Amino acid sequence: MSFGVADVSRETGLSRHTVHYYVARGLLRVKKDSRNGYHRFSDSDVRTLAFVRRAQALGFMLGEIETVLAMSRRHASPCPSVRDIVRRRLWEFHGQLAQLEGTCRLIDAALRRWRRMPDSVPYGKEICRLIESVGTPGLTFEPLEGRASTIQRARRRVRRE
């Protein structure tokens, strides 16, 4: 059976643009209708798109999916590569999760502190007292009040030289 891009889009939940993008990247091996030049998709193409969506749900990037598809098309087992990719992605996700948890703690602490702080209109070089009151782990800022900024000091050095 042969489908048009609208049919495939409806069947897979992917936009037409995305389907065309996947064709352009070579994820699908689509035939063109000789009469009108339109792409014609097969049941196999629809299965491939379902596979792509599953792989993306597992955190695979398109380049990695292309590699898995290429191996499969060559009748080589992609399983060892898939395990390595998933293992690596899992560690990346754990790292991202730890960062998100740290951000949640920072936001929670900021909200608790901000409840006690009155609203204020910025003065001098201040932009927003609430945000500027937050200590960010891993980042250090020198206070702007009463001190020249790093940029201002660098400009003075350049002028002197």
C-alpha atoms as a PDB file:
ATOM      1  CA  MET A   1       0.000   0.000   0.000  1.00  0.00           C
ATOM      2  CA  SER A   2       1.171   3.532  -0.750  1.00  0.00           C
ATOM      3  CA  PHE A   3       0.494   6.684   1.271  1.00  0.00           C
ATOM      4  CA  GLY A   4       0.896  10.410   0.700  1.00  0.00           C
ATOM      5  CA  VAL A   5       2.613  12.673   3.191  1.00  0.00           C
ATOM      6  CA  ALA A   6      -0.737  13.841   4.625  1.00  0.00           C
ATOM      7  CA  ASP A   7      -1.730  10.228   5.337  1.00  0.00           C
ATOM      8  CA  VAL A   8       1.617   9.488   6.977  1.00  0.00           C
ATOM      9  CA  SER A   9       1.403  12.689   9.002  1.00  0.00           C
ATOM     10  CA  ARG A  10      -2.060  11.753  10.255  1.00  0.00           C
ATOM     11  CA  GLU A  11      -1.034   8.155  10.995  1.00  0.00           C
ATOM     12  CA  THR A  12       2.166   9.024  12.894  1.00  0.00           C
ATOM     13  CA  GLY A  13       1.235  12.327  14.516  1.00  0.00           C
ATOM     14  CA  LEU A  14       4.264  13.971  12.903  1.00  0.00           C
ATOM     15  CA  SER A  15       3.917  17.202  10.990  1.00  0.00           C
ATOM     16  CA  ARG A  16       4.315  17.133   7.228  1.00  0.00           C
ATOM     17  CA  HIS A  17       7.397  19.299   7.627  1.00  0.00           C
ATOM     18  CA  THR A  18       8.957  16.753   9.996  1.00  0.00           C
ATOM     19  CA  VAL A  19       8.184  13.871   7.638  1.00  0.00           C
ATOM     20  CA  HIS A  20       9.811  15.759   4.759  1.00  0.00           C
ATOM     21  CA  TYR A  21      12.788  16.595   6.981  1.00  0.00           C
ATOM     22  CA  TYR A  22      13.268  12.913   7.833  1.00  0.00           C
ATOM     23  CA  VAL A  23      13.122  12.071   4.117  1.00  0.00           C
ATOM     24  CA  ALA A  24      15.759  14.738   3.397  1.00  0.00           C
ATOM     25  CA  ARG A  25      17.996  13.325   6.161  1.00  0.00           C
ATOM     26  CA  GLY A  26      17.708   9.854   4.694  1.00  0.00           C
ATOM     27  CA  LEU A  27      15.840   8.236   7.579  1.00  0.00           C
ATOM     28  CA  LEU A  28      13.256   7.047   5.052  1.00  0.00           C
ATOM     29  CA  ARG A  29      13.838   5.568   1.634  1.00  0.00           C
ATOM     30  CA  VAL A  30      10.820   6.985  -0.115  1.00  0.00           C
ATOM     31  CA  LYS A  31       9.809   6.534  -3.723  1.00  0.00           C
ATOM     32  CA  LYS A  32       8.462   9.379  -5.820  1.00  0.00           C
ATOM     33  CA  ASP A  33       5.332   9.106  -7.903  1.00  0.00           C
ATOM     34  CA  SER A  34       6.479   9.320 -11.538  1.00  0.00           C
ATOM     35  CA  ARG A  35       3.304  11.159 -12.522  1.00  0.00           C
ATOM     36  CA  ASN A  36       3.486  14.078 -10.088  1.00  0.00           C
ATOM     37  CA  GLY A  37       6.842  13.802  -8.264  1.00  0.00           C
ATOM     38  CA  TYR A  38       5.169  13.500  -4.843  1.00  0.00           C
ATOM     39  CA  HIS A  39       6.668  11.221  -2.206  1.00  0.00           C
ATOM     40  CA  ARG A  40       4.861   7.919  -1.779  1.00  0.00           C
ATOM     41  CA  PHE A  41       5.287   6.172   1.561  1.00  0.00           C
ATOM     42  CA  SER A  42       5.005   2.462   2.283  1.00  0.00           C
ATOM     43  CA  ASP A  43       3.932   0.518   5.372  1.00  0.00           C
ATOM     44  CA  SER A  44       7.643   0.061   6.030  1.00  0.00           C
ATOM     45  CA  ASP A  45       8.147   3.844   6.068  1.00  0.00           C
ATOM     46  CA  VAL A  46       5.355   4.220   8.617  1.00  0.00           C
ATOM     47  CA  ARG A  47       6.997   1.502  10.776  1.00  0.00           C
ATOM     48  CA  THR A  48      10.332   3.322  10.468  1.00  0.00           C
ATOM     49  CA  LEU A  49       8.721   6.564  11.644  1.00  0.00           C
ATOM     50  CA  ALA A  50       7.201   4.723  14.615  1.00  0.00           C
ATOM     51  CA  PHE A  51      10.684   3.371  15.378  1.00  0.00           C
ATOM     52  CA  VAL A  52      12.151   6.899  15.185  1.00  0.00           C
ATOM     53  CA  ARG A  53       9.551   8.176  17.657  1.00  0.00           C
ATOM     54  CA  ARG A  54      10.301   5.299  20.072  1.00  0.00           C
ATOM     55  CA  ALA A  55      14.042   5.911  19.834  1.00  0.00           C
ATOM     56  CA  GLN A  56      13.544   9.633  20.452  1.00  0.00           C
ATOM     57  CA  ALA A  57      11.429   8.806  23.525  1.00  0.00           C
ATOM     58  CA  LEU A  58      14.486   6.904  24.810  1.00  0.00           C
ATOM     59  CA  GLY A  59      16.642  10.001  24.298  1.00  0.00           C
ATOM     60  CA  PHE A  60      18.263   9.094  20.976  1.00  0.00           C
ATOM     61  CA  MET A  61      19.388  11.949  18.743  1.00  0.00           C
ATOM     62  CA  LEU A  62      18.621  11.810  15.021  1.00  0.00           C
ATOM     63  CA  GLY A  63      22.247  11.097  14.150  1.00  0.00           C
ATOM     64  CA  GLU A  64      22.241   8.120  16.486  1.00  0.00           C
ATOM     65  CA  ILE A  65      18.965   6.910  14.997  1.00  0.00           C
ATOM     66  CA  GLU A  66      20.454   7.212  11.522  1.00  0.00           C
ATOM     67  CA  THR A  67      23.354   5.030  12.647  1.00  0.00           C
ATOM     68  CA  VAL A  68      21.027   2.378  14.073  1.00  0.00           C
ATOM     69  CA  LEU A  69      18.917   2.374  10.895  1.00  0.00           C
ATOM     70  CA  ALA A  70      22.031   2.111   8.715  1.00  0.00           C
ATOM     71  CA  MET A  71      23.321  -0.843  10.718  1.00  0.00           C
ATOM     72  CA  SER A  72      19.967  -2.570  10.524  1.00  0.00           C
ATOM     73  CA  ARG A  73      19.768  -1.993   6.777  1.00  0.00           C
ATOM     74  CA  ARG A  74      23.218  -3.596   6.419  1.00  0.00           C
ATOM     75  CA  HIS A  75      21.918  -6.557   8.441  1.00  0.00           C
ATOM     76  CA  ALA A  76      24.383  -5.804  11.246  1.00  0.00           C
ATOM     77  CA  SER A  77      23.209  -5.947  14.854  1.00  0.00           C
ATOM     78  CA  PRO A  78      22.730  -2.431  16.233  1.00  0.00           C
ATOM     79  CA  CYS A  79      22.110  -3.816  19.745  1.00  0.00           C
ATOM     80  CA  PRO A  80      25.615  -3.219  21.220  1.00  0.00           C
ATOM     81  CA  SER A  81      25.562   0.380  19.969  1.00  0.00           C
ATOM     82  CA  VAL A  82      22.026   0.877  21.243  1.00  0.00           C
ATOM     83  CA  ARG A  83      23.012  -0.324  24.714  1.00  0.00           C
ATOM     84  CA  ASP A  84      26.022   2.024  24.759  1.00  0.00           C
ATOM     85  CA  ILE A  85      23.938   4.983  23.623  1.00  0.00           C
ATOM     86  CA  VAL A  86      21.203   4.329  26.187  1.00  0.00           C
ATOM     87  CA  ARG A  87      23.740   3.822  28.982  1.00  0.00           C
ATOM     88  CA  ARG A  88      25.474   7.107  28.069  1.00  0.00           C
ATOM     89  CA  ARG A  89      22.145   8.943  27.759  1.00  0.00           C
ATOM     90  CA  LEU A  90      21.027   7.624  31.151  1.00  0.00           C
ATOM     91  CA  TRP A  91      24.138   9.099  32.801  1.00  0.00           C
ATOM     92  CA  GLU A  92      23.521  12.403  30.986  1.00  0.00           C
ATOM     93  CA  PHE A  93      19.908  12.431  32.195  1.00  0.00           C
ATOM     94  CA  HIS A  94      21.018  11.707  35.769  1.00  0.00           C
ATOM     95  CA  GLY A  95      23.367  14.696  35.535  1.00  0.00           C
ATOM     96  CA  GLN A  96      20.606  16.906  34.140  1.00  0.00           C
ATOM     97  CA  LEU A  97      18.252  15.700  36.851  1.00  0.00           C
ATOM     98  CA  ALA A  98      20.800  16.624  39.528  1.00  0.00           C
ATOM     99  CA  GLN A  99      21.132  20.088  37.985  1.00  0.00           C
ATOM    100  CA  LEU A 100      17.349  20.491  37.915  1.00  0.00           C
ATOM    101  CA  GLU A 101      17.091  19.414  41.547  1.00  0.00           C
ATOM    102  CA  GLY A 102      19.713  22.022  42.443  1.00  0.00           C
ATOM    103  CA  THR A 103      17.793  24.664  40.500  1.00  0.00           C
ATOM    104  CA  CYS A 104      14.570  23.674  42.305  1.00  0.00           C
ATOM    105  CA  ARG A 105      16.298  24.066  45.674  1.00  0.00           C
ATOM    106  CA  LEU A 106      17.657  27.466  44.608  1.00  0.00           C
ATOM    107  CA  ILE A 107      14.226  28.641  43.424  1.00  0.00           C
ATOM    108  CA  ASP A 108      12.555  27.368  46.585  1.00  0.00           C
ATOM    109  CA  ALA A 109      15.074  29.200  48.774  1.00  0.00           C
ATOM    110  CA  ALA A 110      14.660  32.359  46.673  1.00  0.00           C
ATOM    111  CA  LEU A 111      10.872  32.292  47.010  1.00  0.00           C
ATOM    112  CA  ARG A 112      11.136  31.838  50.785  1.00  0.00           C
ATOM    113  CA  ARG A 113      13.543  34.780  51.015  1.00  0.00           C
ATOM    114  CA  TRP A 114      11.525  36.965  48.667  1.00  0.00           C
ATOM    115  CA  ARG A 115       8.389  36.584  50.811  1.00  0.00           C
ATOM    116  CA  ARG A 116      10.168  38.669  53.458  1.00  0.00           C
ATOM    117  CA  MET A 117      11.492  41.277  51.017  1.00  0.00           C
ATOM    118  CA  PRO A 118       9.446  44.337  50.094  1.00  0.00           C
ATOM    119  CA  ASP A 119       8.884  45.352  46.478  1.00  0.00           C
ATOM    120  CA  SER A 120      11.309  48.049  45.404  1.00  0.00           C
ATOM    121  CA  VAL A 121      12.049  50.296  42.475  1.00  0.00           C
ATOM    122  CA  PRO A 122      15.554  49.765  41.040  1.00  0.00           C
ATOM    123  CA  TYR A 123      18.076  52.489  41.844  1.00  0.00           C
ATOM    124  CA  GLY A 124      21.601  53.107  40.650  1.00  0.00           C
ATOM    125  CA  LYS A 125      22.895  50.102  38.729  1.00  0.00           C
ATOM    126  CA  GLU A 126      20.322  47.771  40.226  1.00  0.00           C
ATOM    127  CA  ILE A 127      18.002  45.889  37.844  1.00  0.00           C
ATOM    128  CA  CYS A 128      15.877  43.712  40.123  1.00  0.00           C
ATOM    129  CA  ARG A 129      16.689  43.407  43.815  1.00  0.00           C
ATOM    130  CA  LEU A 130      14.976  40.020  44.085  1.00  0.00           C
ATOM    131  CA  ILE A 131      17.085  38.309  41.423  1.00  0.00           C
ATOM    132  CA  GLU A 132      20.252  40.101  42.493  1.00  0.00           C
ATOM    133  CA  SER A 133      19.749  38.835  46.053  1.00  0.00           C
ATOM    134  CA  VAL A 134      20.058  35.203  44.981  1.00  0.00           C
ATOM    135  CA  GLY A 135      23.314  33.388  45.568  1.00  0.00           C
ATOM    136  CA  THR A 136      23.855  31.013  42.667  1.00  0.00           C
ATOM    137  CA  PRO A 137      25.895  27.874  43.375  1.00  0.00           C
ATOM    138  CA  GLY A 138      28.926  27.707  41.120  1.00  0.00           C
ATOM    139  CA  LEU A 139      28.729  31.376  40.178  1.00  0.00           C
ATOM    140  CA  THR A 140      30.377  34.217  42.009  1.00  0.00           C
ATOM    141  CA  PHE A 141      29.687  37.867  41.397  1.00  0.00           C
ATOM    142  CA  GLU A 142      31.376  40.825  42.915  1.00  0.00           C
ATOM    143  CA  PRO A 143      28.951  43.399  44.267  1.00  0.00           C
ATOM    144  CA  LEU A 144      28.332  46.267  41.882  1.00  0.00           C
ATOM    145  CA  GLU A 145      27.652  48.878  44.535  1.00  0.00           C
ATOM    146  CA  GLY A 146      30.671  50.996  45.332  1.00  0.00           C
ATOM    147  CA  ARG A 147      33.048  49.099  43.018  1.00  0.00           C
ATOM    148  CA  ALA A 148      34.004  49.385  39.418  1.00  0.00           C
ATOM    149  CA  SER A 149      32.821  46.503  37.284  1.00  0.00           C
ATOM    150  CA  THR A 150      35.292  44.148  35.657  1.00  0.00           C
ATOM    151  CA  ILE A 151      34.476  45.676  32.261  1.00  0.00           C
ATOM    152  CA  GLN A 152      35.133  49.213  33.550  1.00  0.00           C
ATOM    153  CA  ARG A 153      38.496  48.168  35.046  1.00  0.00           C
ATOM    154  CA  ALA A 154      39.483  46.460  31.792  1.00  0.00           C
ATOM    155  CA  ARG A 155      38.605  49.590  29.806  1.00  0.00           C
ATOM    156  CA  ARG A 156      40.736  51.729  32.115  1.00  0.00           C
ATOM    157  CA  ARG A 157      43.666  49.316  31.699  1.00  0.00           C
ATOM    158  CA  VAL A 158      43.373  49.469  27.915  1.00  0.00           C
ATOM    159  CA  ARG A 159      43.302  53.274  27.948  1.00  0.00           C
ATOM    160  CA  ARG A 160      46.432  53.400  30.113  1.00  0.00           C
ATOM    161  CA  GLU A 161      48.379  51.077  27.821  1.00  0.00           C
END
